[in-house]
């Protein structure tokens, strides 16, 4: 019997999201590393574009029981990484650099929060699996 616990939609979705968080963290780290580089322009991965790419209408949408329920979406697997783009409209220093330390630290905090959230969800999922295994033991 093949068990698809590790290959289910939730696990793959969480894996995709962790990949996007990793990409975002790399971009923020690059911005921080170049904070004193003349002419460097702040780069960003759009969180909203990332979520739009990861979420799509499900081929088999979840059934709603009441009209006020929102339409459900599911994770789209295999979505390509969103492009990194240059941020416009930031205050530029005389050397042409527009990296703002406070803004980048906020982005880093948001990314860390997202990572912690997904790790907690993974822990719950694995606890469920462990509980199922332990309850199924014959003693």
N, C-alpha and C. Protein backbone atom coordinates (compact mmCIF):
# COMPACT_ATOMS: atom_id res chain seq x y z
N UNK A 1 0.84 -1.18 0.00
CA UNK A 1 0.00 0.00 0.00
C UNK A 1 0.89 1.24 0.00
N UNK A 2 0.63 2.15 -0.90
CA UNK A 2 1.40 3.38 -1.02
C UNK A 2 0.73 4.49 -0.20
N UNK A 3 1.52 5.12 0.67
CA UNK A 3 1.01 6.19 1.51
C UNK A 3 1.47 7.51 0.90
N UNK A 4 0.53 8.41 0.67
CA UNK A 4 0.86 9.68 0.05
C UNK A 4 0.94 10.84 1.02
N UNK A 5 1.21 10.56 2.28
CA UNK A 5 1.21 11.61 3.30
C UNK A 5 2.21 12.71 2.99
N UNK A 6 3.39 12.35 2.53
CA UNK A 6 4.43 13.35 2.27
C UNK A 6 4.28 13.99 0.90
N UNK A 7 3.44 13.44 0.06
CA UNK A 7 3.26 13.98 -1.28
C UNK A 7 1.87 14.57 -1.48
N UNK A 8 1.17 14.86 -0.40
CA UNK A 8 -0.17 15.41 -0.55
C UNK A 8 -0.09 16.90 -0.89
N UNK A 9 -1.23 17.47 -1.24
CA UNK A 9 -1.29 18.87 -1.67
C UNK A 9 -0.78 19.83 -0.61
N UNK A 10 -1.12 19.57 0.65
CA UNK A 10 -0.70 20.46 1.73
C UNK A 10 0.81 20.48 1.87
N UNK A 11 1.42 19.31 1.88
CA UNK A 11 2.88 19.23 2.04
C UNK A 11 3.60 19.89 0.87
N UNK A 12 3.13 19.65 -0.32
CA UNK A 12 3.77 20.27 -1.48
C UNK A 12 3.58 21.78 -1.47
N UNK A 13 2.41 22.22 -1.06
CA UNK A 13 2.14 23.65 -0.97
C UNK A 13 3.06 24.32 0.05
N UNK A 14 3.22 23.68 1.20
CA UNK A 14 4.11 24.23 2.22
C UNK A 14 5.56 24.24 1.72
N UNK A 15 5.94 23.21 1.00
CA UNK A 15 7.29 23.16 0.43
C UNK A 15 7.51 24.28 -0.57
N UNK A 16 6.53 24.52 -1.43
CA UNK A 16 6.62 25.62 -2.40
C UNK A 16 6.73 26.96 -1.69
N UNK A 17 5.93 27.15 -0.66
CA UNK A 17 5.95 28.41 0.07
C UNK A 17 7.29 28.61 0.77
N UNK A 18 7.85 27.55 1.35
CA UNK A 18 9.17 27.66 1.98
C UNK A 18 10.23 28.04 0.94
N UNK A 19 10.09 27.53 -0.26
CA UNK A 19 11.02 27.91 -1.33
C UNK A 19 10.91 29.39 -1.66
N UNK A 20 9.69 29.90 -1.70
CA UNK A 20 9.49 31.33 -1.97
C UNK A 20 10.04 32.18 -0.83
N UNK A 21 9.84 31.73 0.41
CA UNK A 21 10.39 32.46 1.55
C UNK A 21 11.92 32.49 1.49
N UNK A 22 12.50 31.38 1.08
CA UNK A 22 13.96 31.31 0.94
C UNK A 22 14.44 32.31 -0.12
N UNK A 23 13.74 32.38 -1.24
CA UNK A 23 14.10 33.32 -2.28
C UNK A 23 14.00 34.75 -1.77
N UNK A 24 12.94 35.04 -1.05
CA UNK A 24 12.75 36.39 -0.51
C UNK A 24 13.85 36.73 0.48
N UNK A 25 14.23 35.78 1.32
CA UNK A 25 15.29 36.01 2.29
C UNK A 25 16.61 36.30 1.59
N UNK A 26 16.89 35.59 0.50
CA UNK A 26 18.12 35.82 -0.26
C UNK A 26 18.15 37.23 -0.86
N UNK A 27 17.02 37.69 -1.36
CA UNK A 27 16.94 39.03 -1.95
C UNK A 27 17.15 40.09 -0.87
N UNK A 28 16.51 39.91 0.28
CA UNK A 28 16.68 40.86 1.38
C UNK A 28 18.13 40.86 1.86
N UNK A 29 18.74 39.69 1.98
CA UNK A 29 20.14 39.61 2.39
C UNK A 29 21.05 40.32 1.40
N UNK A 30 20.75 40.18 0.12
CA UNK A 30 21.53 40.87 -0.90
C UNK A 30 21.38 42.38 -0.77
N UNK A 31 20.16 42.84 -0.51
CA UNK A 31 19.94 44.28 -0.31
C UNK A 31 20.75 44.78 0.88
N UNK A 32 20.71 44.04 1.97
CA UNK A 32 21.46 44.45 3.16
C UNK A 32 22.97 44.42 2.92
N UNK A 33 23.43 43.43 2.19
CA UNK A 33 24.86 43.33 1.89
C UNK A 33 25.34 44.49 1.03
N UNK A 34 24.44 45.07 0.25
CA UNK A 34 24.79 46.16 -0.66
C UNK A 34 24.34 47.52 -0.17
N UNK A 35 24.09 47.65 1.11
CA UNK A 35 23.56 48.90 1.65
C UNK A 35 24.52 50.07 1.45
N UNK A 36 25.81 49.80 1.35
CA UNK A 36 26.80 50.87 1.15
C UNK A 36 27.39 50.87 -0.26
N UNK A 37 26.81 50.11 -1.17
CA UNK A 37 27.31 50.04 -2.54
C UNK A 37 26.71 51.19 -3.35
N UNK A 38 27.54 52.11 -3.83
CA UNK A 38 27.03 53.24 -4.63
C UNK A 38 26.27 52.73 -5.87
N UNK A 39 25.11 53.32 -6.11
CA UNK A 39 24.33 52.98 -7.29
C UNK A 39 23.47 51.73 -7.16
N UNK A 40 23.59 50.99 -6.04
CA UNK A 40 22.80 49.77 -5.89
C UNK A 40 21.33 50.13 -5.70
N UNK A 41 20.46 49.39 -6.38
CA UNK A 41 19.02 49.62 -6.31
C UNK A 41 18.37 48.44 -5.57
N UNK A 42 17.47 48.75 -4.66
CA UNK A 42 16.77 47.74 -3.87
C UNK A 42 16.01 46.78 -4.78
N UNK A 43 16.15 45.48 -4.49
CA UNK A 43 15.46 44.43 -5.23
C UNK A 43 14.38 43.85 -4.33
N UNK A 44 13.36 43.24 -4.94
CA UNK A 44 12.28 42.65 -4.16
C UNK A 44 11.60 41.53 -4.93
N UNK A 45 11.05 40.58 -4.18
CA UNK A 45 10.17 39.55 -4.71
C UNK A 45 8.79 39.91 -4.19
N UNK A 46 7.85 40.15 -5.05
CA UNK A 46 6.52 40.57 -4.63
C UNK A 46 5.80 39.45 -3.90
N UNK A 47 5.41 39.72 -2.66
CA UNK A 47 4.67 38.73 -1.89
C UNK A 47 3.32 38.46 -2.55
N UNK A 48 2.66 39.51 -3.00
CA UNK A 48 1.33 39.34 -3.62
C UNK A 48 1.43 38.56 -4.92
N UNK A 49 2.45 38.83 -5.72
CA UNK A 49 2.64 38.07 -6.96
C UNK A 49 2.94 36.61 -6.64
N UNK A 50 3.73 36.39 -5.59
CA UNK A 50 4.05 35.03 -5.18
C UNK A 50 2.78 34.28 -4.80
N UNK A 51 1.95 34.89 -3.96
CA UNK A 51 0.72 34.22 -3.55
C UNK A 51 -0.22 34.01 -4.73
N UNK A 52 -0.29 34.97 -5.63
CA UNK A 52 -1.15 34.83 -6.81
C UNK A 52 -0.69 33.65 -7.66
N UNK A 53 0.63 33.48 -7.78
CA UNK A 53 1.15 32.37 -8.57
C UNK A 53 0.94 31.03 -7.88
N UNK A 54 1.03 31.03 -6.54
CA UNK A 54 0.89 29.78 -5.80
C UNK A 54 -0.56 29.34 -5.65
N UNK A 55 -1.49 30.29 -5.71
CA UNK A 55 -2.89 29.96 -5.52
C UNK A 55 -3.65 30.08 -6.84
N UNK A 56 -4.51 29.15 -7.08
CA UNK A 56 -5.32 29.17 -8.29
C UNK A 56 -6.61 28.44 -8.01
N UNK A 57 -7.57 28.58 -8.87
CA UNK A 57 -8.81 27.82 -8.69
C UNK A 57 -8.49 26.34 -8.83
N UNK A 58 -9.05 25.57 -7.95
CA UNK A 58 -8.82 24.13 -7.94
C UNK A 58 -9.59 23.46 -9.06
N UNK A 59 -8.98 22.44 -9.72
CA UNK A 59 -9.73 21.70 -10.71
C UNK A 59 -10.93 20.98 -10.08
N UNK A 60 -10.80 20.62 -8.79
CA UNK A 60 -11.91 20.02 -8.06
C UNK A 60 -12.11 20.86 -6.80
N UNK A 61 -12.80 22.00 -6.93
CA UNK A 61 -12.91 22.92 -5.80
C UNK A 61 -13.60 22.29 -4.60
N UNK A 62 -13.23 22.79 -3.42
CA UNK A 62 -13.87 22.32 -2.21
C UNK A 62 -15.32 22.77 -2.21
N UNK A 63 -16.18 21.94 -1.66
CA UNK A 63 -17.60 22.24 -1.61
C UNK A 63 -17.87 23.17 -0.43
N UNK A 64 -18.67 24.19 -0.66
CA UNK A 64 -19.06 25.08 0.43
C UNK A 64 -20.44 24.67 0.91
N UNK A 65 -20.67 24.84 2.21
CA UNK A 65 -21.95 24.43 2.78
C UNK A 65 -22.91 25.59 2.95
N UNK A 66 -22.38 26.81 2.85
CA UNK A 66 -23.22 27.99 2.98
C UNK A 66 -22.82 29.00 1.93
N UNK A 67 -23.76 29.80 1.43
CA UNK A 67 -23.44 30.77 0.39
C UNK A 67 -22.46 31.84 0.82
N UNK A 68 -22.38 32.11 2.12
CA UNK A 68 -21.46 33.15 2.56
C UNK A 68 -20.00 32.68 2.64
N UNK A 69 -19.79 31.39 2.49
CA UNK A 69 -18.41 30.90 2.47
C UNK A 69 -17.70 31.40 1.22
N UNK A 70 -16.47 31.75 1.39
CA UNK A 70 -15.69 32.20 0.24
C UNK A 70 -15.31 31.00 -0.61
N UNK A 71 -15.12 31.25 -1.89
CA UNK A 71 -14.65 30.19 -2.77
C UNK A 71 -13.26 29.77 -2.34
N UNK A 72 -13.03 28.50 -2.29
CA UNK A 72 -11.74 28.00 -1.82
C UNK A 72 -10.77 27.88 -3.00
N UNK A 73 -9.49 28.04 -2.68
CA UNK A 73 -8.45 27.85 -3.69
C UNK A 73 -7.48 26.81 -3.18
N UNK A 74 -6.69 26.32 -4.06
CA UNK A 74 -5.69 25.32 -3.68
C UNK A 74 -4.37 25.70 -4.29
N UNK A 75 -3.33 25.09 -3.81
CA UNK A 75 -1.98 25.44 -4.25
C UNK A 75 -1.73 24.89 -5.65
N UNK A 76 -1.15 25.72 -6.48
CA UNK A 76 -0.76 25.32 -7.82
C UNK A 76 0.68 24.85 -7.76
N UNK A 77 0.92 23.62 -8.08
CA UNK A 77 2.27 23.07 -7.98
C UNK A 77 3.08 23.34 -9.23
N UNK A 78 4.36 23.43 -9.03
CA UNK A 78 5.26 23.62 -10.15
C UNK A 78 5.29 25.03 -10.67
N UNK A 79 4.75 25.98 -9.95
CA UNK A 79 4.78 27.37 -10.40
C UNK A 79 6.22 27.86 -10.42
N UNK A 80 6.59 28.58 -11.46
CA UNK A 80 7.95 29.08 -11.55
C UNK A 80 8.17 30.20 -10.55
N UNK A 81 9.41 30.40 -10.19
CA UNK A 81 9.75 31.44 -9.22
C UNK A 81 9.41 32.80 -9.81
N UNK A 82 8.83 33.67 -9.00
CA UNK A 82 8.50 35.00 -9.50
C UNK A 82 9.77 35.80 -9.74
N UNK A 83 9.72 36.70 -10.69
CA UNK A 83 10.93 37.47 -10.98
C UNK A 83 11.26 38.44 -9.85
N UNK A 84 12.54 38.69 -9.70
CA UNK A 84 13.01 39.70 -8.76
C UNK A 84 12.99 41.01 -9.52
N UNK A 85 12.46 42.06 -8.91
CA UNK A 85 12.38 43.33 -9.61
C UNK A 85 12.97 44.45 -8.76
N UNK A 86 13.32 45.52 -9.43
CA UNK A 86 13.85 46.70 -8.77
C UNK A 86 12.70 47.53 -8.22
N UNK A 87 12.85 47.98 -6.97
CA UNK A 87 11.81 48.75 -6.31
C UNK A 87 11.96 50.22 -6.68
N UNK A 88 10.90 50.81 -7.16
CA UNK A 88 10.89 52.23 -7.50
C UNK A 88 10.23 53.03 -6.39
N UNK A 89 10.51 54.32 -6.34
CA UNK A 89 9.84 55.21 -5.41
C UNK A 89 10.47 55.30 -4.03
N UNK A 90 11.60 54.64 -3.82
CA UNK A 90 12.27 54.74 -2.52
C UNK A 90 13.19 55.94 -2.51
N UNK A 91 13.45 56.46 -1.33
CA UNK A 91 14.34 57.60 -1.19
C UNK A 91 15.76 57.19 -1.58
N UNK A 92 16.33 57.96 -2.47
CA UNK A 92 17.67 57.66 -2.98
C UNK A 92 18.69 58.59 -2.34
N UNK A 93 19.81 58.00 -1.91
CA UNK A 93 20.89 58.81 -1.35
C UNK A 93 21.69 59.44 -2.49
N UNK A 94 22.53 60.42 -2.18
CA UNK A 94 23.32 61.08 -3.23
C UNK A 94 24.20 60.12 -4.05
N UNK A 95 24.58 58.96 -3.47
CA UNK A 95 25.41 58.01 -4.22
C UNK A 95 24.58 57.09 -5.12
N UNK A 96 23.25 57.29 -5.16
CA UNK A 96 22.39 56.50 -6.04
C UNK A 96 21.82 55.25 -5.39
N UNK A 97 22.25 54.93 -4.18
CA UNK A 97 21.77 53.75 -3.47
C UNK A 97 20.43 54.10 -2.81
N UNK A 98 19.46 53.16 -2.86
CA UNK A 98 18.16 53.43 -2.25
C UNK A 98 17.75 52.37 -1.22
N UNK A 99 18.72 51.62 -0.68
CA UNK A 99 18.41 50.60 0.31
C UNK A 99 18.11 51.27 1.65
N UNK A 100 16.97 50.92 2.24
CA UNK A 100 16.54 51.45 3.54
C UNK A 100 16.64 50.33 4.56
N UNK A 101 17.51 50.49 5.55
CA UNK A 101 17.75 49.46 6.55
C UNK A 101 16.47 49.06 7.27
N UNK A 102 15.67 50.01 7.69
CA UNK A 102 14.43 49.70 8.41
C UNK A 102 13.47 48.88 7.55
N UNK A 103 13.34 49.24 6.29
CA UNK A 103 12.45 48.52 5.37
C UNK A 103 12.92 47.08 5.19
N UNK A 104 14.22 46.91 5.03
CA UNK A 104 14.77 45.56 4.81
C UNK A 104 14.65 44.70 6.07
N UNK A 105 14.82 45.31 7.24
CA UNK A 105 14.67 44.54 8.48
C UNK A 105 13.21 44.12 8.68
N UNK A 106 12.28 44.97 8.28
CA UNK A 106 10.86 44.61 8.33
C UNK A 106 10.59 43.42 7.40
N UNK A 107 11.12 43.47 6.19
CA UNK A 107 10.95 42.36 5.23
C UNK A 107 11.55 41.07 5.79
N UNK A 108 12.71 41.20 6.44
CA UNK A 108 13.35 40.03 7.03
C UNK A 108 12.48 39.45 8.15
N UNK A 109 11.88 40.33 8.96
CA UNK A 109 10.98 39.87 10.02
C UNK A 109 9.74 39.18 9.47
N UNK A 110 9.16 39.74 8.41
CA UNK A 110 7.99 39.13 7.78
C UNK A 110 8.33 37.75 7.23
N UNK A 111 9.49 37.63 6.64
CA UNK A 111 9.94 36.36 6.07
C UNK A 111 10.15 35.34 7.18
N UNK A 112 10.76 35.77 8.27
CA UNK A 112 10.99 34.89 9.42
C UNK A 112 9.66 34.42 10.02
N UNK A 113 8.69 35.32 10.10
CA UNK A 113 7.37 34.95 10.61
C UNK A 113 6.73 33.88 9.72
N UNK A 114 6.79 34.09 8.41
CA UNK A 114 6.22 33.12 7.47
C UNK A 114 6.87 31.76 7.61
N UNK A 115 8.18 31.75 7.76
CA UNK A 115 8.91 30.50 7.94
C UNK A 115 8.46 29.80 9.23
N UNK A 116 8.37 30.55 10.32
CA UNK A 116 7.95 29.97 11.61
C UNK A 116 6.54 29.40 11.52
N UNK A 117 5.65 30.09 10.82
CA UNK A 117 4.28 29.64 10.66
C UNK A 117 4.23 28.29 9.92
N UNK A 118 4.97 28.20 8.83
CA UNK A 118 4.97 26.96 8.05
C UNK A 118 5.60 25.82 8.84
N UNK A 119 6.66 26.09 9.58
CA UNK A 119 7.29 25.06 10.40
C UNK A 119 6.31 24.55 11.45
N UNK A 120 5.54 25.43 12.07
CA UNK A 120 4.53 25.00 13.04
C UNK A 120 3.48 24.11 12.39
N UNK A 121 3.04 24.47 11.18
CA UNK A 121 2.06 23.65 10.47
C UNK A 121 2.65 22.28 10.13
N UNK A 122 3.91 22.24 9.76
CA UNK A 122 4.57 20.96 9.49
C UNK A 122 4.65 20.11 10.75
N UNK A 123 4.95 20.73 11.87
CA UNK A 123 5.00 19.99 13.13
C UNK A 123 3.66 19.34 13.44
N UNK A 124 2.58 20.09 13.25
CA UNK A 124 1.24 19.53 13.50
C UNK A 124 0.99 18.35 12.58
N UNK A 125 1.36 18.50 11.33
CA UNK A 125 1.14 17.42 10.35
C UNK A 125 1.92 16.17 10.74
N UNK A 126 3.17 16.34 11.17
CA UNK A 126 3.98 15.19 11.56
C UNK A 126 3.52 14.59 12.89
N UNK A 127 3.01 15.42 13.80
CA UNK A 127 2.44 14.88 15.04
C UNK A 127 1.23 14.01 14.73
N UNK A 128 0.43 14.44 13.76
CA UNK A 128 -0.73 13.65 13.35
C UNK A 128 -0.27 12.29 12.82
N UNK A 129 0.76 12.29 12.01
CA UNK A 129 1.29 11.04 11.47
C UNK A 129 1.83 10.16 12.59
N UNK A 130 2.60 10.74 13.50
CA UNK A 130 3.16 9.96 14.62
C UNK A 130 2.04 9.38 15.48
N UNK A 131 1.01 10.16 15.72
CA UNK A 131 -0.12 9.68 16.51
C UNK A 131 -0.81 8.51 15.82
N UNK A 132 -0.97 8.62 14.52
CA UNK A 132 -1.60 7.54 13.75
C UNK A 132 -0.77 6.26 13.82
N UNK A 133 0.53 6.40 13.74
CA UNK A 133 1.42 5.25 13.81
C UNK A 133 1.35 4.61 15.19
N UNK A 134 1.43 5.44 16.24
CA UNK A 134 1.41 4.90 17.61
C UNK A 134 0.08 4.27 17.96
N UNK A 135 -1.03 4.82 17.50
CA UNK A 135 -2.34 4.25 17.77
C UNK A 135 -2.56 2.95 17.00
N UNK A 136 -1.84 2.78 15.92
CA UNK A 136 -2.02 1.59 15.10
C UNK A 136 -1.17 0.41 15.53
N UNK A 137 -0.34 0.60 16.53
CA UNK A 137 0.52 -0.50 17.01
C UNK A 137 -0.32 -1.61 17.64
N UNK A 138 0.12 -2.78 17.40
CA UNK A 138 -0.53 -3.92 18.06
C UNK A 138 0.34 -4.30 19.24
N UNK A 139 -0.22 -4.40 20.37
CA UNK A 139 0.56 -4.65 21.57
C UNK A 139 0.18 -5.86 22.18
